[in-house]
Amino acid sequence: MMPKTTDPNQRKDTRHELTPTQLFTAFAHERRQLTVAYLAQQPVAISLGDLAEYIAITEAQPSYEWYERVLTDLAHCHLPQLRDIGLIHYDADAESVALAVERRVVAPYLELAGHTDA
């Protein structure tokens, strides 16, 4: 029998139901919408820095100071909320983040929020 290994970059399939309240909370702030939309496009975990850079550019504020603000806001506010809801995997020590659910779970909500490219 071959031993099985897991790839930390592979998404784990979570089988819990997300409540409407959790989904409304997740999509209540545009940075959380942008986070979920960007992660829905990524096949594996990405760095927190890459996510912050994407959001800073999307917000038309590509300065280093704005990047730092976005990075801090994500790390201390938005990513922990999305992790607690169960939408993302967020490892603060490794500074990595990945979508924790199948893209099809969040796609209708992203479309409603105007993120059709996700």
Protein backbone atom coordinates (compact mmCIF):
# COMPACT_ATOMS: atom_id res chain seq x y z
CA MET A 1 0.00 0.00 0.00
CA MET A 2 1.36 3.40 -1.00
CA PRO A 3 1.41 6.07 1.70
CA LYS A 4 -0.69 9.12 0.96
CA THR A 5 0.68 12.59 1.31
CA THR A 6 -1.16 15.85 1.21
CA ASP A 7 -0.20 18.97 -0.63
CA PRO A 8 -0.65 22.08 1.55
CA ASN A 9 -1.46 24.04 -1.60
CA GLN A 10 -4.44 21.83 -2.41
CA ARG A 11 -7.82 23.07 -1.29
CA LYS A 12 -9.51 20.94 1.28
CA ASP A 13 -13.16 20.15 0.69
CA THR A 14 -15.23 21.53 3.52
CA ARG A 15 -18.70 20.12 3.90
CA HIS A 16 -20.35 22.61 6.24
CA GLU A 17 -23.30 24.75 5.25
CA LEU A 18 -22.81 28.49 5.13
CA THR A 19 -25.74 30.43 6.53
CA PRO A 20 -27.18 33.50 4.81
CA THR A 21 -25.94 35.62 7.72
CA GLN A 22 -22.39 34.32 7.23
CA LEU A 23 -22.53 35.03 3.51
CA PHE A 24 -23.93 38.54 4.02
CA THR A 25 -21.16 39.18 6.55
CA ALA A 26 -18.55 37.88 4.12
CA PHE A 27 -19.74 40.11 1.30
CA ALA A 28 -20.56 43.19 3.42
CA HIS A 29 -17.17 44.80 2.78
CA GLU A 30 -15.64 45.32 -0.64
CA ARG A 31 -12.20 44.09 0.45
CA ARG A 32 -13.73 40.78 1.50
CA GLN A 33 -15.51 40.61 -1.86
CA LEU A 34 -12.25 41.29 -3.68
CA THR A 35 -10.47 38.70 -1.54
CA VAL A 36 -12.97 35.94 -2.29
CA ALA A 37 -13.13 36.92 -5.98
CA TYR A 38 -9.34 36.81 -6.33
CA LEU A 39 -8.99 33.54 -4.43
CA ALA A 40 -11.71 31.98 -6.59
CA GLN A 41 -9.37 32.51 -9.56
CA GLN A 42 -6.35 30.87 -7.89
CA PRO A 43 -5.73 27.11 -8.11
CA VAL A 44 -3.51 27.05 -4.98
CA ALA A 45 -2.75 29.10 -1.88
CA ILE A 46 -1.27 32.54 -2.48
CA SER A 47 0.79 34.86 -0.32
CA LEU A 48 -0.83 37.56 1.74
CA GLY A 49 1.45 40.07 0.01
CA ASP A 50 0.17 39.08 -3.44
CA LEU A 51 -3.42 39.48 -2.27
CA ALA A 52 -2.72 42.89 -0.72
CA GLU A 53 -0.97 44.04 -3.90
CA TYR A 54 -3.93 42.93 -6.03
CA ILE A 55 -6.41 44.79 -3.81
CA ALA A 56 -4.28 47.96 -3.66
CA ILE A 57 -4.05 48.02 -7.46
CA THR A 58 -7.77 47.27 -7.84
CA GLU A 59 -8.56 50.16 -5.49
CA ALA A 60 -6.47 52.40 -7.80
CA GLN A 61 -4.04 53.14 -4.98
CA PRO A 62 -0.84 51.33 -6.03
CA SER A 63 1.46 53.14 -3.59
CA TYR A 64 3.57 51.33 -1.00
CA GLU A 65 1.76 53.13 1.83
CA TRP A 66 -1.63 51.99 0.55
CA TYR A 67 -0.31 48.45 0.08
CA GLU A 68 0.79 48.45 3.76
CA ARG A 69 -2.64 49.69 4.86
CA VAL A 70 -4.39 46.99 2.84
CA LEU A 71 -1.99 44.34 4.16
CA THR A 72 -2.67 45.33 7.77
CA ASP A 73 -6.42 45.55 7.24
CA LEU A 74 -6.53 42.11 5.63
CA ALA A 75 -4.36 40.45 8.28
CA HIS A 76 -6.13 41.91 11.29
CA CYS A 77 -9.73 42.23 10.13
CA HIS A 78 -10.93 40.68 6.89
CA LEU A 79 -9.00 37.41 6.61
CA PRO A 80 -9.77 36.29 10.18
CA GLN A 81 -13.48 36.99 9.54
CA LEU A 82 -13.49 35.01 6.30
CA ARG A 83 -11.57 32.18 8.00
CA ASP A 84 -14.02 32.08 10.92
CA ILE A 85 -16.95 31.93 8.49
CA GLY A 86 -15.26 29.02 6.71
CA LEU A 87 -14.72 30.56 3.28
CA ILE A 88 -10.93 30.66 3.34
CA HIS A 89 -7.89 28.93 4.78
CA TYR A 90 -5.65 31.58 6.31
CA ASP A 91 -2.30 30.76 7.88
CA ALA A 92 -1.10 33.93 9.61
CA ASP A 93 2.33 32.46 10.38
CA ALA A 94 3.00 31.41 6.79
CA GLU A 95 1.11 34.44 5.45
CA SER A 96 -0.77 32.27 2.97
CA VAL A 97 -4.42 32.27 2.01
CA ALA A 98 -6.63 30.03 -0.13
CA LEU A 99 -10.31 29.54 -0.84
CA ALA A 100 -11.72 26.84 1.47
CA VAL A 101 -14.83 26.06 -0.56
CA GLU A 102 -15.46 25.16 -4.17
CA ARG A 103 -15.63 28.14 -6.50
CA ARG A 104 -19.21 27.23 -7.43
CA VAL A 105 -20.27 27.91 -3.82
CA VAL A 106 -19.27 31.58 -3.99
CA ALA A 107 -19.77 32.26 -7.72
CA PRO A 108 -23.44 33.36 -7.48
CA TYR A 109 -22.62 35.79 -4.65
CA LEU A 110 -19.63 37.18 -6.49
CA GLU A 111 -21.83 37.76 -9.52
CA LEU A 112 -24.43 39.57 -7.40
CA ALA A 113 -21.65 41.73 -5.95
CA GLY A 114 -20.51 42.65 -9.47
CA HIS A 115 -17.40 40.47 -9.61
CA THR A 116 -18.25 38.60 -12.79
CA ASP A 117 -14.63 37.96 -13.75
CA ALA A 118 -14.14 35.61 -10.78
